């Protein structure tokens, strides 16, 4: 099986061209491929498939082998992959588990990915709960680099309030001119270098109940992202765009038993 490895701000993925529909993977096989010691190694795996009315369909699996919800960094990598395959040039309209997405690819390789609208969110003084294609818990901290992301994130992710699916947990420090975000991702069950839907959630949450048009720079352990959006009501957001790099790493071949 031919595979491709991409990364977006350190969030890395195995990408497979399944337009012919001949790739069918079990959950254990996906987990094996994503395993960093015995497989290829990645935070997730994605299939590029045909979809009527769209350039392609994005099917996303977490590294635990289970199909999951939307992945923002993954969506940008899929757009770059589609360009690599010659399916698109600089613009695309594709479908994912949370609905349709548009993306544009700039000459410098940065991808602008249109995310789903946010119809509602829960805003509290210490945290915000918001779904940006995947469910996120945004927690404000004073010193994000000193935060125990793994243990604190795991305790919230498995809290009874978020069962059965669980929630992704973002620890966010507000700086003078940007946000600093670290994320515990469900499905990976650890901190990742970046989470696109998490960064999007943090950016929207950072303006609280204010309305207006915003562009928020965000720094993650894996690099820099930018989120723009419009809020016409205190508890919703639309015209949400996640901007950042999507880079080809390598191409390879692997045999599955």
Protein backbone atom coordinates (compact mmCIF):
# COMPACT_ATOMS: atom_id res chain seq x y z
CA UNK A 1 0.00 0.00 0.00
CA UNK A 2 1.33 3.43 -0.99
CA UNK A 3 0.99 6.08 1.70
CA UNK A 4 1.84 9.74 2.08
CA UNK A 5 2.85 11.58 5.23
CA UNK A 6 1.81 15.21 5.79
CA UNK A 7 1.96 17.53 8.76
CA UNK A 8 0.28 20.79 9.72
CA UNK A 9 2.08 22.63 12.54
CA UNK A 10 3.39 19.31 13.81
CA UNK A 11 0.02 17.54 13.74
CA UNK A 12 0.99 14.62 11.48
CA UNK A 13 -1.13 12.34 9.33
CA UNK A 14 -0.98 9.30 7.08
CA UNK A 15 -2.86 10.05 3.85
CA UNK A 16 -4.19 7.40 1.48
CA UNK A 17 -5.60 7.88 -2.01
CA UNK A 18 -8.76 5.76 -2.00
CA UNK A 19 -10.51 7.13 -5.10
CA UNK A 20 -10.68 3.61 -6.50
CA UNK A 21 -12.29 2.36 -3.29
CA UNK A 22 -9.94 -0.59 -2.91
CA UNK A 23 -8.61 0.34 0.55
CA UNK A 24 -10.59 -1.05 3.47
CA UNK A 25 -8.89 -0.87 6.86
CA UNK A 26 -9.92 -2.34 10.19
CA UNK A 27 -9.57 -0.28 13.37
CA UNK A 28 -6.57 -2.36 14.53
CA UNK A 29 -4.87 -1.82 11.14
CA UNK A 30 -5.33 1.95 11.39
CA UNK A 31 -3.96 1.90 14.94
CA UNK A 32 -0.97 -0.16 13.76
CA UNK A 33 -0.19 2.25 10.93
CA UNK A 34 -0.36 5.22 13.32
CA UNK A 35 1.83 3.51 15.94
CA UNK A 36 5.13 5.38 16.23
CA UNK A 37 7.12 2.31 17.24
CA UNK A 38 5.71 -0.52 15.13
CA UNK A 39 4.03 1.31 12.24
CA UNK A 40 4.51 4.51 10.28
CA UNK A 41 3.61 6.84 13.12
CA UNK A 42 1.01 9.62 13.07
CA UNK A 43 -1.65 11.46 15.08
CA UNK A 44 -4.24 10.23 12.59
CA UNK A 45 -4.97 8.61 9.24
CA UNK A 46 -7.11 9.99 6.41
CA UNK A 47 -8.64 8.52 3.28
CA UNK A 48 -9.25 10.68 0.22
CA UNK A 49 -12.35 9.27 -1.49
CA UNK A 50 -14.75 10.23 -4.27
CA UNK A 51 -17.94 12.11 -3.41
CA UNK A 52 -20.57 13.25 -5.88
CA UNK A 53 -20.77 17.02 -6.11
CA UNK A 54 -17.43 17.57 -4.37
CA UNK A 55 -13.76 17.40 -5.29
CA UNK A 56 -13.28 14.64 -2.71
CA UNK A 57 -14.42 13.20 0.59
CA UNK A 58 -12.22 13.30 3.70
CA UNK A 59 -12.49 10.31 6.04
CA UNK A 60 -10.55 10.79 9.27
CA UNK A 61 -9.38 8.25 11.86
CA UNK A 62 -7.67 9.00 15.16
CA UNK A 63 -4.49 7.13 16.04
CA UNK A 64 -6.53 4.75 18.22
CA UNK A 65 -7.99 3.38 14.98
CA UNK A 66 -11.49 4.80 15.33
CA UNK A 67 -13.18 7.10 12.83
CA UNK A 68 -13.51 10.50 14.39
CA UNK A 69 -14.92 13.99 13.96
CA UNK A 70 -13.46 16.87 11.96
CA UNK A 71 -9.74 17.66 12.08
CA UNK A 72 -8.72 21.19 11.08
CA UNK A 73 -5.03 20.54 10.53
CA UNK A 74 -6.00 17.36 8.72
CA UNK A 75 -8.38 19.26 6.46
CA UNK A 76 -5.62 21.61 5.36
CA UNK A 77 -3.32 18.65 4.70
CA UNK A 78 -6.03 16.95 2.65
CA UNK A 79 -6.39 20.05 0.49
CA UNK A 80 -2.63 20.09 -0.10
CA UNK A 81 -2.73 16.34 -0.86
CA UNK A 82 -5.52 16.83 -3.40
CA UNK A 83 -3.39 19.48 -5.10
CA UNK A 84 -0.42 17.09 -5.11
CA UNK A 85 -2.56 14.42 -6.78
CA UNK A 86 -3.73 16.89 -9.43
CA UNK A 87 -7.37 16.77 -8.33
CA UNK A 88 -7.46 20.53 -7.67
CA UNK A 89 -5.34 23.58 -8.39
CA UNK A 90 -5.63 26.26 -5.72
CA UNK A 91 -9.25 25.94 -4.59
CA UNK A 92 -11.35 23.03 -3.40
CA UNK A 93 -14.82 22.17 -2.16
CA UNK A 94 -14.82 18.90 -0.21
CA UNK A 95 -17.02 17.01 2.20
CA UNK A 96 -16.09 15.72 5.67
CA UNK A 97 -18.00 14.16 8.54
CA UNK A 98 -19.22 17.57 9.76
CA UNK A 99 -20.31 18.84 6.33
CA UNK A 100 -18.91 20.77 3.37
CA UNK A 101 -15.67 22.74 3.51
CA UNK A 102 -13.95 25.14 1.15
CA UNK A 103 -10.20 25.69 1.09
CA UNK A 104 -7.74 27.80 -0.86
CA UNK A 105 -4.00 27.21 -1.17
CA UNK A 106 -1.65 30.19 -1.39
CA UNK A 107 1.63 30.29 -3.29
CA UNK A 108 3.54 30.01 0.00
CA UNK A 109 1.76 26.73 0.80
CA UNK A 110 -0.46 28.12 3.53
CA UNK A 111 -4.01 26.81 3.38
CA UNK A 112 -7.15 28.77 4.26
CA UNK A 113 -9.74 26.25 5.46
CA UNK A 114 -13.36 27.30 5.95
CA UNK A 115 -14.67 25.64 9.10
CA UNK A 116 -18.29 24.94 10.04
CA UNK A 117 -20.40 27.63 11.66
CA UNK A 118 -20.74 27.55 15.44
CA UNK A 119 -24.47 27.89 16.25
CA UNK A 120 -24.07 27.92 20.03
CA UNK A 121 -21.51 27.68 22.81
CA UNK A 122 -21.34 27.64 26.61
CA UNK A 123 -19.34 30.55 28.04
CA UNK A 124 -18.27 30.55 31.69
CA UNK A 125 -15.64 32.73 33.42
CA UNK A 126 -13.05 29.93 33.60
CA UNK A 127 -13.90 27.88 30.53
CA UNK A 128 -15.86 27.67 27.28
CA UNK A 129 -17.44 24.60 25.69
CA UNK A 130 -17.69 24.84 21.92
CA UNK A 131 -18.02 22.54 18.90
CA UNK A 132 -15.96 23.57 15.88
CA UNK A 133 -16.48 20.30 14.00
CA UNK A 134 -15.16 18.46 17.06
CA UNK A 135 -16.17 19.10 20.70
CA UNK A 136 -13.76 21.25 22.71
CA UNK A 137 -13.33 22.40 26.28
CA UNK A 138 -11.32 25.65 26.41
CA UNK A 139 -9.73 26.34 29.79
CA UNK A 140 -7.94 29.60 30.59
CA UNK A 141 -4.59 29.31 32.40
CA UNK A 142 -1.95 31.84 33.46
CA UNK A 143 1.13 29.79 32.59
CA UNK A 144 0.36 27.31 29.82
CA UNK A 145 3.96 26.05 29.57
CA UNK A 146 3.82 24.95 33.21
CA UNK A 147 0.46 23.21 32.86
CA UNK A 148 0.21 19.43 33.26
CA UNK A 149 -1.63 18.99 29.97
CA UNK A 150 -1.67 15.20 30.05
CA UNK A 151 -3.13 14.62 33.51
CA UNK A 152 -5.41 17.65 33.68
CA UNK A 153 -6.56 17.09 30.13
CA UNK A 154 -7.25 13.41 30.71
CA UNK A 155 -9.34 14.11 33.81
CA UNK A 156 -11.58 16.53 31.90
CA UNK A 157 -11.68 14.41 28.73
CA UNK A 158 -13.08 11.44 30.72
CA UNK A 159 -15.35 13.48 32.98
CA UNK A 160 -18.85 12.01 33.27
CA UNK A 161 -20.30 15.26 31.92
CA UNK A 162 -18.81 14.53 28.49
CA UNK A 163 -19.64 10.84 28.20
CA UNK A 164 -19.92 8.83 26.08
CA UNK A 165 -17.81 10.55 23.41
CA UNK A 166 -15.54 12.63 25.61
CA UNK A 167 -14.12 16.04 24.77
CA UNK A 168 -10.86 17.58 23.57
CA UNK A 169 -9.24 19.87 26.14
CA UNK A 170 -7.39 23.10 25.31
CA UNK A 171 -5.29 25.01 27.80
CA UNK A 172 -5.04 28.62 26.66
CA UNK A 173 -2.89 31.53 27.80
CA UNK A 174 -3.87 34.97 26.57
CA UNK A 175 -0.87 37.07 25.59
CA UNK A 176 -0.73 40.67 24.47
CA UNK A 177 -1.00 39.94 20.76
CA UNK A 178 -1.72 36.21 20.45
CA UNK A 179 -3.04 33.10 22.15
CA UNK A 180 -0.78 30.25 23.26
CA UNK A 181 -2.58 26.90 23.09
CA UNK A 182 -1.75 23.36 24.19
CA UNK A 183 -4.24 20.57 23.53
CA UNK A 184 -5.04 17.13 24.92
CA UNK A 185 -6.71 15.25 22.05
CA UNK A 186 -9.17 12.44 22.56
CA UNK A 187 -8.41 9.48 20.32
CA UNK A 188 -4.71 10.27 20.52
CA UNK A 189 -5.09 10.33 24.33
CA UNK A 190 -2.15 12.65 24.76
CA UNK A 191 -0.99 16.16 23.96
CA UNK A 192 -0.44 16.83 20.28
CA UNK A 193 1.80 19.53 18.85
CA UNK A 194 -1.25 21.25 17.42
CA UNK A 195 -5.01 20.82 17.01
CA UNK A 196 -6.79 22.79 14.30
CA UNK A 197 -10.34 22.55 15.65
CA UNK A 198 -8.95 23.25 19.13
CA UNK A 199 -7.12 26.37 18.01
CA UNK A 200 -10.32 27.49 16.28
CA UNK A 201 -12.32 26.90 19.45
CA UNK A 202 -9.79 28.81 21.57
CA UNK A 203 -9.76 31.79 19.19
CA UNK A 204 -13.56 32.09 19.15
CA UNK A 205 -13.74 31.62 22.92
CA UNK A 206 -11.11 34.31 23.51
CA UNK A 207 -13.49 37.17 22.66
CA UNK A 208 -16.09 35.97 25.16
CA UNK A 209 -19.53 37.44 24.63
CA UNK A 210 -18.31 40.25 22.38
CA UNK A 211 -19.52 40.56 18.79
CA UNK A 212 -17.63 41.74 15.72
CA UNK A 213 -15.12 40.60 13.13
CA UNK A 214 -11.87 39.13 14.41
CA UNK A 215 -8.54 37.70 13.30
CA UNK A 216 -6.71 35.91 16.13
CA UNK A 217 -3.07 34.72 15.89
CA UNK A 218 -2.40 31.50 17.76
CA UNK A 219 0.86 29.83 18.75
CA UNK A 220 1.00 26.08 19.36
CA UNK A 221 3.99 23.86 20.21
CA UNK A 222 4.06 22.91 16.52
CA UNK A 223 3.87 26.37 15.02
CA UNK A 224 1.75 29.39 14.16
CA UNK A 225 -1.89 29.43 13.04
CA UNK A 226 -4.47 32.13 12.48
CA UNK A 227 -8.24 32.09 12.94
CA UNK A 228 -10.67 34.63 11.52
CA UNK A 229 -14.41 34.71 12.24
CA UNK A 230 -17.50 36.88 12.59
CA UNK A 231 -19.72 37.02 15.68
CA UNK A 232 -23.11 38.65 15.20
CA UNK A 233 -24.45 37.23 18.48
CA UNK A 234 -22.61 36.54 21.77
CA UNK A 235 -23.00 32.75 21.51
CA UNK A 236 -22.43 31.99 17.82
CA UNK A 237 -19.78 32.43 15.12
CA UNK A 238 -19.70 32.17 11.34
CA UNK A 239 -17.35 32.78 8.42
CA UNK A 240 -14.77 30.82 10.42
CA UNK A 241 -11.45 30.32 8.62
CA UNK A 242 -8.38 28.46 9.91
CA UNK A 243 -5.12 29.44 8.19
CA UNK A 244 -1.79 27.64 8.45
CA UNK A 245 0.78 25.46 6.72
CA UNK A 246 0.26 21.96 5.31
CA UNK A 247 3.49 20.25 4.34
CA UNK A 248 4.37 17.03 2.53
CA UNK A 249 6.87 15.00 4.57
CA UNK A 250 7.47 11.76 2.66
CA UNK A 251 5.93 9.02 0.54
CA UNK A 252 6.36 5.33 1.25
CA UNK A 253 5.11 1.80 0.85
CA UNK A 254 3.99 -0.58 3.57
CA UNK A 255 2.63 -4.11 3.59
CA UNK A 256 -0.32 -4.96 5.80
CA UNK A 257 -0.99 -8.50 6.94
